[in-house]
Amino acid sequence: MSTPLNRQWVLKARPLDEVSDACFEWRHAPVPTPGPGEALVRVVWLSIEPTQRTWLNPRATYIPPVALGEVMRGVGVGQVIASRSERLCVGDWVTGMTGWQDYALAKDAGLFGFNPVPDGIDPKAMLNLYGASGLTAYFGMTDVGRAAPGETVLVSGAAGSVGSLAGQVARLRGCRVIGIAGGAHKADWVTRTAGFDACIDYKSEDVRARLQTLAPRGVDVFFDNVGGPVLEAALDHLARGARVVLCGAVSSGYKDHDYGATPRNYMQLGFKRARMEGFIFLDYVSRFPEAFRELSAWAAGGRLVHAESIAEGLEHAPSALRGLFEGRNLGKQLVRVTGAP
């Protein structure tokens, strides 16, 4: 019987433009053996997120870049198959920074190590609703955007994992919610399934004209995942005292030295006495339990939905990351690394 190997995607070269398979090297390494306080995790699901593209650039963002020759960084969920940890037992489902590989060592650490998936939770939901996507949507809309009942909220990237949840959080807080998405299928999903009041298809509609029709008094909160011309259009349509939540700028492709040249009309923030604020969900670690309670209650009551796009096989991870910037995903992009229940 052959000895199992650990398939890995290793960063080979930093992308100058779009992410390509040539940036990574496909390697086979021995399956690691857990030491004291460690557990061996068989990775089943990987989370693919736009922020991973920023980690491929040579300069640090909110965390250091992935080093050349290092296994590509990524959060995943899997099952413990061997353990020398008192905290993690064989059979446990756990989530943590697995990297793009079949097997990962989970060290006996706390929050930023590996943590067991709570009973009754679909393991892959820890990469979506109860992971970075859900937490970003929740705190971005409640704390940074301060969305209040009766306000008009605009969300770009509304069919993505963060945007779709952020808009629903605003709706559940009593807001009127308008989305911006690319393509008729996505726009239809945003309104029919995610429950937004309206959605602008930027591929076939004039965003500025539609904003004038849908929000004639302006937008109170703009949750931006896109940047570029969409951000400029929203800034020209702010209500007085508006809040702009700076979450992402996927239109830039997150290339090195290029996170977008806009907005040229940033003075609209001054004219409308508005503010733009960036944040990272990790700023709210002490309040994660609060977010989990709210999100789980909404989901259990059928008032919060989330979509998934699944790529089958670890070999497709680079393509899945590239697809986020090509608009291929609806909701959360996942990679099924191995056979999953």
C-alpha atoms as a PDB file:
ATOM      1  CA  MET A   1       0.000   0.000   0.000  1.00  0.00           C
ATOM      2  CA  SER A   2       1.484   3.336  -1.029  1.00  0.00           C
ATOM      3  CA  THR A   3       2.323   5.980   1.557  1.00  0.00           C
ATOM      4  CA  PRO A   4       0.015   9.019   1.286  1.00  0.00           C
ATOM      5  CA  LEU A   5       1.595  12.287   0.202  1.00  0.00           C
ATOM      6  CA  ASN A   6       0.656  15.850   1.027  1.00  0.00           C
ATOM      7  CA  ARG A   7      -0.243  17.740  -2.139  1.00  0.00           C
ATOM      8  CA  GLN A   8       0.567  21.428  -1.828  1.00  0.00           C
ATOM      9  CA  TRP A   9       0.388  24.677  -3.787  1.00  0.00           C
ATOM     10  CA  VAL A  10       3.571  26.643  -3.059  1.00  0.00           C
ATOM     11  CA  LEU A  11       4.144  30.269  -4.064  1.00  0.00           C
ATOM     12  CA  LYS A  12       6.721  30.198  -6.859  1.00  0.00           C
ATOM     13  CA  ALA A  13       6.609  33.748  -8.270  1.00  0.00           C
ATOM     14  CA  ARG A  14       4.740  36.911  -7.357  1.00  0.00           C
ATOM     15  CA  PRO A  15       2.129  37.896  -9.935  1.00  0.00           C
ATOM     16  CA  LEU A  16       2.715  41.128 -11.813  1.00  0.00           C
ATOM     17  CA  ASP A  17      -0.881  41.288 -12.960  1.00  0.00           C
ATOM     18  CA  GLU A  18      -3.608  38.643 -12.710  1.00  0.00           C
ATOM     19  CA  VAL A  19      -3.016  35.484 -10.728  1.00  0.00           C
ATOM     20  CA  SER A  20      -2.023  32.554 -12.938  1.00  0.00           C
ATOM     21  CA  ASP A  21      -1.191  28.923 -12.265  1.00  0.00           C
ATOM     22  CA  ALA A  22       2.418  29.803 -13.135  1.00  0.00           C
ATOM     23  CA  CYS A  23       2.663  31.765  -9.858  1.00  0.00           C
ATOM     24  CA  PHE A  24       2.401  28.489  -7.963  1.00  0.00           C
ATOM     25  CA  GLU A  25       4.226  25.172  -7.925  1.00  0.00           C
ATOM     26  CA  TRP A  26       2.398  21.886  -7.373  1.00  0.00           C
ATOM     27  CA  ARG A  27       4.405  19.828  -4.892  1.00  0.00           C
ATOM     28  CA  HIS A  28       4.129  16.500  -3.131  1.00  0.00           C
ATOM     29  CA  ALA A  29       5.546  16.446   0.392  1.00  0.00           C
ATOM     30  CA  PRO A  30       5.471  13.842   3.164  1.00  0.00           C
ATOM     31  CA  VAL A  31       2.428  13.948   5.406  1.00  0.00           C
ATOM     32  CA  PRO A  32       3.593  15.677   8.607  1.00  0.00           C
ATOM     33  CA  THR A  33       3.680  13.865  11.938  1.00  0.00           C
ATOM     34  CA  PRO A  34       2.151  15.690  14.903  1.00  0.00           C
ATOM     35  CA  GLY A  35       4.426  16.513  17.803  1.00  0.00           C
ATOM     36  CA  PRO A  36       3.466  17.226  21.407  1.00  0.00           C
ATOM     37  CA  GLY A  37       0.457  19.546  21.542  1.00  0.00           C
ATOM     38  CA  GLU A  38      -0.242  19.126  17.819  1.00  0.00           C
ATOM     39  CA  ALA A  39      -2.887  17.401  15.726  1.00  0.00           C
ATOM     40  CA  LEU A  40      -2.873  16.285  12.101  1.00  0.00           C
ATOM     41  CA  VAL A  41      -5.792  17.696  10.123  1.00  0.00           C
ATOM     42  CA  ARG A  42      -7.033  16.286   6.823  1.00  0.00           C
ATOM     43  CA  VAL A  43      -8.177  19.401   4.974  1.00  0.00           C
ATOM     44  CA  VAL A  44     -11.591  19.094   3.349  1.00  0.00           C
ATOM     45  CA  TRP A  45     -12.629  22.665   2.464  1.00  0.00           C
ATOM     46  CA  LEU A  46     -10.667  25.797   1.590  1.00  0.00           C
ATOM     47  CA  SER A  47     -11.938  29.372   1.679  1.00  0.00           C
ATOM     48  CA  ILE A  48     -10.979  31.459  -1.353  1.00  0.00           C
ATOM     49  CA  GLU A  49     -11.084  35.205  -0.705  1.00  0.00           C
ATOM     50  CA  PRO A  50     -10.029  38.335  -2.628  1.00  0.00           C
ATOM     51  CA  THR A  51      -7.701  39.378   0.207  1.00  0.00           C
ATOM     52  CA  GLN A  52      -5.503  36.371  -0.625  1.00  0.00           C
ATOM     53  CA  ARG A  53      -4.414  38.226  -3.754  1.00  0.00           C
ATOM     54  CA  THR A  54      -2.959  41.005  -1.567  1.00  0.00           C
ATOM     55  CA  TRP A  55      -0.854  38.439   0.295  1.00  0.00           C
ATOM     56  CA  LEU A  56       0.959  37.615  -2.970  1.00  0.00           C
ATOM     57  CA  ASN A  57       2.393  41.129  -3.290  1.00  0.00           C
ATOM     58  CA  PRO A  58       5.837  41.803  -1.768  1.00  0.00           C
ATOM     59  CA  ARG A  59       4.626  44.414   0.724  1.00  0.00           C
ATOM     60  CA  ALA A  60       2.690  43.736   3.889  1.00  0.00           C
ATOM     61  CA  THR A  61      -0.942  44.792   4.207  1.00  0.00           C
ATOM     62  CA  TYR A  62      -2.610  43.980   7.522  1.00  0.00           C
ATOM     63  CA  ILE A  63      -0.489  40.801   7.681  1.00  0.00           C
ATOM     64  CA  PRO A  64       2.883  39.886   6.116  1.00  0.00           C
ATOM     65  CA  PRO A  65       2.947  38.569   2.534  1.00  0.00           C
ATOM     66  CA  VAL A  66       3.252  34.892   1.719  1.00  0.00           C
ATOM     67  CA  ALA A  67       6.956  34.097   1.315  1.00  0.00           C
ATOM     68  CA  LEU A  68       8.304  32.599  -1.884  1.00  0.00           C
ATOM     69  CA  GLY A  69       8.580  28.846  -1.431  1.00  0.00           C
ATOM     70  CA  GLU A  70       5.890  28.844   1.249  1.00  0.00           C
ATOM     71  CA  VAL A  71       2.624  26.902   1.053  1.00  0.00           C
ATOM     72  CA  MET A  72      -0.067  29.311  -0.098  1.00  0.00           C
ATOM     73  CA  ARG A  73      -1.834  30.762   2.903  1.00  0.00           C
ATOM     74  CA  GLY A  74      -5.537  30.135   3.303  1.00  0.00           C
ATOM     75  CA  VAL A  75      -8.161  29.325   5.875  1.00  0.00           C
ATOM     76  CA  GLY A  76      -9.681  25.885   5.732  1.00  0.00           C
ATOM     77  CA  VAL A  77     -11.716  23.353   7.624  1.00  0.00           C
ATOM     78  CA  GLY A  78     -10.966  19.691   8.089  1.00  0.00           C
ATOM     79  CA  GLN A  79     -11.030  16.694  10.386  1.00  0.00           C
ATOM     80  CA  VAL A  80      -8.437  15.598  12.929  1.00  0.00           C
ATOM     81  CA  ILE A  81      -7.007  12.186  11.979  1.00  0.00           C
ATOM     82  CA  ALA A  82      -4.161  11.965  14.523  1.00  0.00           C
ATOM     83  CA  SER A  83      -3.586  13.937  17.688  1.00  0.00           C
ATOM     84  CA  ARG A  84      -1.134  14.571  20.500  1.00  0.00           C
ATOM     85  CA  SER A  85      -3.191  17.518  21.698  1.00  0.00           C
ATOM     86  CA  GLU A  86      -5.409  17.501  24.773  1.00  0.00           C
ATOM     87  CA  ARG A  87      -7.686  20.053  23.121  1.00  0.00           C
ATOM     88  CA  LEU A  88      -8.170  18.503  19.679  1.00  0.00           C
ATOM     89  CA  CYS A  89      -9.361  14.913  19.420  1.00  0.00           C
ATOM     90  CA  VAL A  90      -9.402  12.463  16.520  1.00  0.00           C
ATOM     91  CA  GLY A  91     -12.650  12.956  14.621  1.00  0.00           C
ATOM     92  CA  ASP A  92     -13.039  16.622  15.580  1.00  0.00           C
ATOM     93  CA  TRP A  93     -13.872  19.080  12.825  1.00  0.00           C
ATOM     94  CA  VAL A  94     -11.604  22.111  13.130  1.00  0.00           C
ATOM     95  CA  THR A  95     -11.023  25.380  11.308  1.00  0.00           C
ATOM     96  CA  GLY A  96      -7.843  27.411  10.993  1.00  0.00           C
ATOM     97  CA  MET A  97      -5.073  28.551   8.670  1.00  0.00           C
ATOM     98  CA  THR A  98      -4.555  25.256   6.880  1.00  0.00           C
ATOM     99  CA  GLY A  99      -2.931  26.563   3.714  1.00  0.00           C
ATOM    100  CA  TRP A 100      -3.537  25.136   0.261  1.00  0.00           C
ATOM    101  CA  GLN A 101      -2.673  21.509   0.990  1.00  0.00           C
ATOM    102  CA  ASP A 102      -4.168  18.122   1.889  1.00  0.00           C
ATOM    103  CA  TYR A 103      -2.832  17.921   5.438  1.00  0.00           C
ATOM    104  CA  ALA A 104      -1.976  20.574   8.015  1.00  0.00           C
ATOM    105  CA  LEU A 105      -0.589  20.545  11.535  1.00  0.00           C
ATOM    106  CA  ALA A 106      -2.833  22.186  14.089  1.00  0.00           C
ATOM    107  CA  LYS A 107      -0.911  23.515  17.030  1.00  0.00           C
ATOM    108  CA  ASP A 108      -2.463  23.668  20.468  1.00  0.00           C
ATOM    109  CA  ALA A 109      -3.148  27.391  20.219  1.00  0.00           C
ATOM    110  CA  GLY A 110      -6.236  29.534  20.704  1.00  0.00           C
ATOM    111  CA  LEU A 111      -8.148  31.898  18.472  1.00  0.00           C
ATOM    112  CA  PHE A 112      -5.597  32.270  15.687  1.00  0.00           C
ATOM    113  CA  GLY A 113      -4.628  28.638  15.725  1.00  0.00           C
ATOM    114  CA  PHE A 114      -7.148  25.886  15.028  1.00  0.00           C
ATOM    115  CA  ASN A 115     -10.506  25.776  16.758  1.00  0.00           C
ATOM    116  CA  PRO A 116     -13.157  23.054  16.911  1.00  0.00           C
ATOM    117  CA  VAL A 117     -16.297  23.566  14.852  1.00  0.00           C
ATOM    118  CA  PRO A 118     -19.244  23.956  17.270  1.00  0.00           C
ATOM    119  CA  ASP A 119     -21.715  21.079  17.423  1.00  0.00           C
ATOM    120  CA  GLY A 120     -24.599  21.412  15.011  1.00  0.00           C
ATOM    121  CA  ILE A 121     -22.745  23.740  12.610  1.00  0.00           C
ATOM    122  CA  ASP A 122     -22.022  22.700   9.026  1.00  0.00           C
ATOM    123  CA  PRO A 123     -18.195  22.698   8.996  1.00  0.00           C
ATOM    124  CA  LYS A 124     -17.922  24.670   5.767  1.00  0.00           C
ATOM    125  CA  ALA A 125     -20.188  27.395   7.205  1.00  0.00           C
ATOM    126  CA  MET A 126     -17.177  28.299   9.373  1.00  0.00           C
ATOM    127  CA  LEU A 127     -15.593  29.608   6.166  1.00  0.00           C
ATOM    128  CA  ASN A 128     -18.627  31.659   5.195  1.00  0.00           C
ATOM    129  CA  LEU A 129     -21.386  32.768   7.551  1.00  0.00           C
ATOM    130  CA  TYR A 130     -19.315  32.183  10.695  1.00  0.00           C
ATOM    131  CA  GLY A 131     -15.957  33.041   9.150  1.00  0.00           C
ATOM    132  CA  ALA A 132     -14.306  36.147   7.751  1.00  0.00           C
ATOM    133  CA  SER A 133     -17.198  36.818   5.356  1.00  0.00           C
ATOM    134  CA  GLY A 134     -19.949  36.858   7.960  1.00  0.00           C
ATOM    135  CA  LEU A 135     -17.894  38.704  10.556  1.00  0.00           C
ATOM    136  CA  THR A 136     -16.801  41.341   8.036  1.00  0.00           C
ATOM    137  CA  ALA A 137     -20.375  41.854   6.895  1.00  0.00           C
ATOM    138  CA  TYR A 138     -21.708  42.064  10.446  1.00  0.00           C
ATOM    139  CA  PHE A 139     -19.209  44.466  11.976  1.00  0.00           C
ATOM    140  CA  GLY A 140     -18.818  46.507   8.797  1.00  0.00           C
ATOM    141  CA  MET A 141     -22.527  47.181   8.628  1.00  0.00           C
ATOM    142  CA  THR A 142     -23.333  47.497  12.331  1.00  0.00           C
ATOM    143  CA  ASP A 143     -20.261  49.261  13.731  1.00  0.00           C
ATOM    144  CA  VAL A 144     -18.567  51.022  10.834  1.00  0.00           C
ATOM    145  CA  GLY A 145     -21.666  51.767   8.770  1.00  0.00           C
ATOM    146  CA  ARG A 146     -23.967  52.151  11.784  1.00  0.00           C
ATOM    147  CA  ALA A 147     -26.931  51.263   9.581  1.00  0.00           C
ATOM    148  CA  ALA A 148     -30.132  52.416  11.289  1.00  0.00           C
ATOM    149  CA  PRO A 149     -33.832  51.677  10.666  1.00  0.00           C
ATOM    150  CA  GLY A 150     -35.308  53.660   7.783  1.00  0.00           C
ATOM    151  CA  GLU A 151     -31.966  54.449   6.135  1.00  0.00           C
ATOM    152  CA  THR A 152     -31.051  53.671   2.539  1.00  0.00           C
ATOM    153  CA  VAL A 153     -28.067  51.337   2.219  1.00  0.00           C
ATOM    154  CA  LEU A 154     -26.113  50.636  -0.966  1.00  0.00           C
ATOM    155  CA  VAL A 155     -23.863  47.557  -1.289  1.00  0.00           C
ATOM    156  CA  SER A 156     -21.436  46.908  -4.140  1.00  0.00           C
ATOM    157  CA  GLY A 157     -20.332  43.368  -4.856  1.00  0.00           C
ATOM    158  CA  ALA A 158     -23.804  42.433  -3.618  1.00  0.00           C
ATOM    159  CA  ALA A 159     -23.668  38.877  -4.967  1.00  0.00           C
ATOM    160  CA  GLY A 160     -20.341  38.153  -3.285  1.00  0.00           C
ATOM    161  CA  SER A 161     -19.834  36.414   0.042  1.00  0.00           C
ATOM    162  CA  VAL A 162     -19.410  39.617   2.083  1.00  0.00           C
ATOM    163  CA  GLY A 163     -21.704  41.941   0.151  1.00  0.00           C
ATOM    164  CA  SER A 164     -24.654  39.553   0.099  1.00  0.00           C
ATOM    165  CA  LEU A 165     -24.466  39.109   3.872  1.00  0.00           C
ATOM    166  CA  ALA A 166     -23.836  42.800   4.577  1.00  0.00           C
ATOM    167  CA  GLY A 167     -26.952  43.796   2.675  1.00  0.00           C
ATOM    168  CA  GLN A 168     -29.031  41.253   4.548  1.00  0.00           C
ATOM    169  CA  VAL A 169     -27.705  42.508   7.892  1.00  0.00           C
ATOM    170  CA  ALA A 170     -28.814  46.008   6.873  1.00  0.00           C
ATOM    171  CA  ARG A 171     -32.242  44.707   5.860  1.00  0.00           C
ATOM    172  CA  LEU A 172     -32.613  42.925   9.195  1.00  0.00           C
ATOM    173  CA  ARG A 173     -31.789  46.232  10.890  1.00  0.00           C
ATOM    174  CA  GLY A 174     -34.750  47.860   9.154  1.00  0.00           C
ATOM    175  CA  CYS A 175     -32.983  49.495   6.224  1.00  0.00           C
ATOM    176  CA  ARG A 176     -33.946  49.773   2.582  1.00  0.00           C
ATOM    177  CA  VAL A 177     -31.172  47.999   0.697  1.00  0.00           C
ATOM    178  CA  ILE A 178     -29.951  48.453  -2.878  1.00  0.00           C
ATOM    179  CA  GLY A 179     -27.310  46.167  -4.349  1.00  0.00           C
ATOM    180  CA  ILE A 180     -24.918  46.460  -7.273  1.00  0.00           C
ATOM    181  CA  ALA A 181     -23.895  43.236  -9.017  1.00  0.00           C
ATOM    182  CA  GLY A 182     -22.672  42.068 -12.409  1.00  0.00           C
ATOM    183  CA  GLY A 183     -25.091  40.184 -14.619  1.00  0.00           C
ATOM    184  CA  ALA A 184     -28.824  39.517 -14.692  1.00  0.00           C
ATOM    185  CA  HIS A 185     -28.522  36.176 -12.887  1.00  0.00           C
ATOM    186  CA  LYS A 186     -26.679  37.712  -9.953  1.00  0.00           C
ATOM    187  CA  ALA A 187     -28.951  40.736  -9.763  1.00  0.00           C
ATOM    188  CA  ASP A 188     -31.979  38.456  -9.716  1.00  0.00           C
ATOM    189  CA  TRP A 189     -30.484  36.314  -6.922  1.00  0.00           C
ATOM    190  CA  VAL A 190     -29.724  39.426  -4.858  1.00  0.00           C
ATOM    191  CA  THR A 191     -33.367  40.517  -4.875  1.00  0.00           C
ATOM    192  CA  ARG A 192     -35.256  37.220  -5.020  1.00  0.00           C
ATOM    193  CA  THR A 193     -33.099  35.140  -2.664  1.00  0.00           C
ATOM    194  CA  ALA A 194     -31.070  37.569  -0.544  1.00  0.00           C
ATOM    195  CA  GLY A 195     -34.073  39.873  -0.201  1.00  0.00           C
ATOM    196  CA  PHE A 196     -32.563  43.208  -1.250  1.00  0.00           C
ATOM    197  CA  ASP A 197     -35.139  45.810  -2.241  1.00  0.00           C
ATOM    198  CA  ALA A 198     -33.442  46.410  -5.595  1.00  0.00           C
ATOM    199  CA  CYS A 199     -30.246  45.527  -7.443  1.00  0.00           C
ATOM    200  CA  ILE A 200     -28.448  47.400 -10.227  1.00  0.00           C
ATOM    201  CA  ASP A 201     -26.801  45.275 -12.904  1.00  0.00           C
ATOM    202  CA  TYR A 202     -23.709  47.341 -13.672  1.00  0.00           C
ATOM    203  CA  LYS A 203     -23.074  45.302 -16.817  1.00  0.00           C
ATOM    204  CA  SER A 204     -26.300  46.374 -18.498  1.00  0.00           C
ATOM    205  CA  GLU A 205     -27.517  49.431 -16.579  1.00  0.00           C
ATOM    206  CA  ASP A 206     -26.275  52.963 -15.966  1.00  0.00           C
ATOM    207  CA  VAL A 207     -25.361  52.897 -12.281  1.00  0.00           C
ATOM    208  CA  ARG A 208     -25.649  56.660 -11.812  1.00  0.00           C
ATOM    209  CA  ALA A 209     -29.035  56.891 -13.508  1.00  0.00           C
ATOM    210  CA  ARG A 210     -30.408  53.941 -11.558  1.00  0.00           C
ATOM    211  CA  LEU A 211     -29.171  55.406  -8.269  1.00  0.00           C
ATOM    212  CA  GLN A 212     -31.005  58.626  -9.025  1.00  0.00           C
ATOM    213  CA  THR A 213     -34.188  56.640  -9.579  1.00  0.00           C
ATOM    214  CA  LEU A 214     -33.826  54.219  -6.675  1.00  0.00           C
ATOM    215  CA  ALA A 215     -32.451  56.646  -4.074  1.00  0.00           C
ATOM    216  CA  PRO A 216     -33.479  60.185  -5.033  1.00  0.00           C
ATOM    217  CA  ARG A 217     -32.579  61.503  -1.574  1.00  0.00           C
ATOM    218  CA  GLY A 218     -29.158  59.882  -1.576  1.00  0.00           C
ATOM    219  CA  VAL A 219     -27.527  56.938   0.149  1.00  0.00           C
ATOM    220  CA  ASP A 220     -27.017  56.916   3.918  1.00  0.00           C
ATOM    221  CA  VAL A 221     -24.591  53.975   4.025  1.00  0.00           C
ATOM    222  CA  PHE A 222     -22.426  52.674   1.184  1.00  0.00           C
ATOM    223  CA  PHE A 223     -20.751  49.321   1.849  1.00  0.00           C
ATOM    224  CA  ASP A 224     -18.075  49.124  -0.853  1.00  0.00           C
ATOM    225  CA  ASN A 225     -16.360  45.931  -1.982  1.00  0.00           C
ATOM    226  CA  VAL A 226     -15.451  47.126  -5.474  1.00  0.00           C
ATOM    227  CA  GLY A 227     -13.886  50.592  -5.663  1.00  0.00           C
ATOM    228  CA  GLY A 228     -13.215  52.247  -9.022  1.00  0.00           C
ATOM    229  CA  PRO A 229     -16.030  53.887 -11.003  1.00  0.00           C
ATOM    230  CA  VAL A 230     -18.676  52.278  -8.764  1.00  0.00           C
ATOM    231  CA  LEU A 231     -17.184  54.027  -5.737  1.00  0.00           C
ATOM    232  CA  GLU A 232     -17.147  57.347  -7.587  1.00  0.00           C
ATOM    233  CA  ALA A 233     -20.782  56.939  -8.600  1.00  0.00           C
ATOM    234  CA  ALA A 234     -21.768  56.250  -5.006  1.00  0.00           C
ATOM    235  CA  LEU A 235     -19.794  59.228  -3.660  1.00  0.00           C
ATOM    236  CA  ASP A 236     -21.684  61.472  -6.047  1.00  0.00           C
ATOM    237  CA  HIS A 237     -24.918  60.168  -4.594  1.00  0.00           C
ATOM    238  CA  LEU A 238     -24.389  60.366  -0.832  1.00  0.00           C
ATOM    239  CA  ALA A 239     -26.926  61.767   1.588  1.00  0.00           C
ATOM    240  CA  ARG A 240     -25.737  64.318   4.111  1.00  0.00           C
ATOM    241  CA  GLY A 241     -23.923  62.599   6.985  1.00  0.00           C
ATOM    242  CA  ALA A 242     -23.461  59.363   5.038  1.00  0.00           C
ATOM    243  CA  ARG A 243     -21.028  56.638   6.039  1.00  0.00           C
ATOM    244  CA  VAL A 244     -18.868  54.847   3.457  1.00  0.00           C
ATOM    245  CA  VAL A 245     -17.596  51.462   4.612  1.00  0.00           C
ATOM    246  CA  LEU A 246     -14.329  50.671   2.833  1.00  0.00           C
ATOM    247  CA  CYS A 247     -14.250  46.877   2.710  1.00  0.00           C
ATOM    248  CA  GLY A 248     -12.589  46.051  -0.609  1.00  0.00           C
ATOM    249  CA  ALA A 249     -11.561  47.190  -4.078  1.00  0.00           C
ATOM    250  CA  VAL A 250     -11.741  44.100  -6.246  1.00  0.00           C
ATOM    251  CA  SER A 251     -12.003  46.192  -9.405  1.00  0.00           C
ATOM    252  CA  SER A 252      -8.311  47.028  -8.937  1.00  0.00           C
ATOM    253  CA  GLY A 253      -7.333  43.372  -9.023  1.00  0.00           C
ATOM    254  CA  TYR A 254      -5.230  44.071  -5.898  1.00  0.00           C
ATOM    255  CA  LYS A 255      -2.114  44.261  -8.017  1.00  0.00           C
ATOM    256  CA  ASP A 256       1.113  45.434  -6.410  1.00  0.00           C
ATOM    257  CA  HIS A 257       1.212  49.273  -6.289  1.00  0.00           C
ATOM    258  CA  ASP A 258      -2.324  49.371  -7.722  1.00  0.00           C
ATOM    259  CA  TYR A 259      -5.244  49.332  -5.356  1.00  0.00           C
ATOM    260  CA  GLY A 260      -7.172  51.735  -7.563  1.00  0.00           C
ATOM    261  CA  ALA A 261      -6.607  55.307  -8.701  1.00  0.00           C
ATOM    262  CA  THR A 262     -10.051  56.554  -7.727  1.00  0.00           C
ATOM    263  CA  PRO A 263     -11.915  58.251  -6.156  1.00  0.00           C
ATOM    264  CA  ARG A 264     -11.213  61.522  -7.906  1.00  0.00           C
ATOM    265  CA  ASN A 265     -14.349  62.986  -6.329  1.00  0.00           C
ATOM    266  CA  TYR A 266     -13.379  62.293  -2.717  1.00  0.00           C
ATOM    267  CA  MET A 267     -14.307  65.864  -1.798  1.00  0.00           C
ATOM    268  CA  GLN A 268     -17.934  64.736  -1.903  1.00  0.00           C
ATOM    269  CA  LEU A 269     -17.164  63.404   1.578  1.00  0.00           C
ATOM    270  CA  GLY A 270     -16.550  66.973   2.676  1.00  0.00           C
ATOM    271  CA  PHE A 271     -19.475  68.487   0.839  1.00  0.00           C
ATOM    272  CA  LYS A 272     -21.888  65.919   2.337  1.00  0.00           C
ATOM    273  CA  ARG A 273     -20.257  65.886   5.788  1.00  0.00           C
ATOM    274  CA  ALA A 274     -19.753  62.175   5.223  1.00  0.00           C
ATOM    275  CA  ARG A 275     -16.981  59.866   6.296  1.00  0.00           C
ATOM    276  CA  MET A 276     -15.176  56.894   4.762  1.00  0.00           C
ATOM    277  CA  GLU A 277     -13.683  54.325   7.110  1.00  0.00           C
ATOM    278  CA  GLY A 278     -11.719  51.144   6.564  1.00  0.00           C
ATOM    279  CA  PHE A 279     -11.593  48.202   8.936  1.00  0.00           C
ATOM    280  CA  ILE A 280     -10.570  44.564   9.335  1.00  0.00           C
ATOM    281  CA  PHE A 281     -12.884  42.097  11.068  1.00  0.00           C
ATOM    282  CA  LEU A 282     -10.016  41.096  13.367  1.00  0.00           C
ATOM    283  CA  ASP A 283     -10.449  44.479  15.066  1.00  0.00           C
ATOM    284  CA  TYR A 284     -13.515  42.984  16.782  1.00  0.00           C
ATOM    285  CA  VAL A 285     -12.189  39.717  18.209  1.00  0.00           C
ATOM    286  CA  SER A 286     -13.633  40.371  21.672  1.00  0.00           C
ATOM    287  CA  ARG A 287     -17.105  40.660  20.136  1.00  0.00           C
ATOM    288  CA  PHE A 288     -17.061  37.556  17.935  1.00  0.00           C
ATOM    289  CA  PRO A 289     -19.491  35.740  20.286  1.00  0.00           C
ATOM    290  CA  GLU A 290     -22.017  38.546  19.822  1.00  0.00           C
ATOM    291  CA  ALA A 291     -21.778  38.262  16.047  1.00  0.00           C
ATOM    292  CA  PHE A 292     -22.072  34.475  16.130  1.00  0.00           C
ATOM    293  CA  ARG A 293     -25.234  34.701  18.233  1.00  0.00           C
ATOM    294  CA  GLU A 294     -26.879  37.225  15.919  1.00  0.00           C
ATOM    295  CA  LEU A 295     -25.873  35.498  12.687  1.00  0.00           C
ATOM    296  CA  SER A 296     -26.883  32.044  13.898  1.00  0.00           C
ATOM    297  CA  ALA A 297     -30.263  33.292  15.164  1.00  0.00           C
ATOM    298  CA  TRP A 298     -31.014  34.977  11.835  1.00  0.00           C
ATOM    299  CA  ALA A 299     -29.925  31.911   9.867  1.00  0.00           C
ATOM    300  CA  ALA A 300     -31.899  29.511  12.073  1.00  0.00           C
ATOM    301  CA  GLY A 301     -34.988  31.638  11.555  1.00  0.00           C
ATOM    302  CA  GLY A 302     -34.563  31.542   7.774  1.00  0.00           C
ATOM    303  CA  ARG A 303     -34.008  35.297   7.618  1.00  0.00           C
ATOM    304  CA  LEU A 304     -30.373  35.118   6.478  1.00  0.00           C
ATOM    305  CA  VAL A 305     -29.177  33.080   3.494  1.00  0.00           C
ATOM    306  CA  HIS A 306     -25.771  32.486   1.977  1.00  0.00           C
ATOM    307  CA  ALA A 307     -24.681  31.137  -1.386  1.00  0.00           C
ATOM    308  CA  GLU A 308     -21.680  28.963  -2.220  1.00  0.00           C
ATOM    309  CA  SER A 309     -19.683  28.348  -5.372  1.00  0.00           C
ATOM    310  CA  ILE A 310     -17.642  25.158  -5.144  1.00  0.00           C
ATOM    311  CA  ALA A 311     -14.561  24.195  -7.143  1.00  0.00           C
ATOM    312  CA  GLU A 312     -13.908  20.462  -7.029  1.00  0.00           C
ATOM    313  CA  GLY A 313     -10.316  19.540  -6.217  1.00  0.00           C
ATOM    314  CA  LEU A 314      -7.260  21.192  -4.690  1.00  0.00           C
ATOM    315  CA  GLU A 315      -5.748  21.513  -8.156  1.00  0.00           C
ATOM    316  CA  HIS A 316      -8.336  24.201  -8.967  1.00  0.00           C
ATOM    317  CA  ALA A 317      -7.447  26.580  -6.107  1.00  0.00           C
ATOM    318  CA  PRO A 318      -5.430  29.071  -8.235  1.00  0.00           C
ATOM    319  CA  SER A 319      -8.207  29.230 -10.818  1.00  0.00           C
ATOM    320  CA  ALA A 320     -10.792  29.754  -8.078  1.00  0.00           C
ATOM    321  CA  LEU A 321      -8.827  32.717  -6.715  1.00  0.00           C
ATOM    322  CA  ARG A 322      -8.509  34.214 -10.199  1.00  0.00           C
ATOM    323  CA  GLY A 323     -12.232  33.722 -10.724  1.00  0.00           C
ATOM    324  CA  LEU A 324     -13.089  36.106  -7.888  1.00  0.00           C
ATOM    325  CA  PHE A 325     -11.702  38.969  -9.969  1.00  0.00           C
ATOM    326  CA  GLU A 326     -13.457  37.731 -13.109  1.00  0.00           C
ATOM    327  CA  GLY A 327     -16.872  37.635 -11.442  1.00  0.00           C
ATOM    328  CA  ARG A 328     -17.290  33.872 -11.734  1.00  0.00           C
ATOM    329  CA  ASN A 329     -18.514  33.229  -8.202  1.00  0.00           C
ATOM    330  CA  LEU A 330     -21.915  33.668  -6.609  1.00  0.00           C
ATOM    331  CA  GLY A 331     -21.560  34.008  -2.854  1.00  0.00           C
ATOM    332  CA  LYS A 332     -18.671  32.297  -1.113  1.00  0.00           C
ATOM    333  CA  GLN A 333     -16.019  30.613  -3.252  1.00  0.00           C
ATOM    334  CA  LEU A 334     -14.916  27.301  -1.733  1.00  0.00           C
ATOM    335  CA  VAL A 335     -12.616  24.535  -2.861  1.00  0.00           C
ATOM    336  CA  ARG A 336     -13.482  20.973  -1.933  1.00  0.00           C
ATOM    337  CA  VAL A 337     -10.012  19.530  -1.308  1.00  0.00           C
ATOM    338  CA  THR A 338     -11.081  15.932  -0.669  1.00  0.00           C
ATOM    339  CA  GLY A 339     -14.284  13.956  -0.588  1.00  0.00           C
ATOM    340  CA  ALA A 340     -16.641  15.691   1.824  1.00  0.00           C
ATOM    341  CA  PRO A 341     -19.921  14.680   3.422  1.00  0.00           C
END
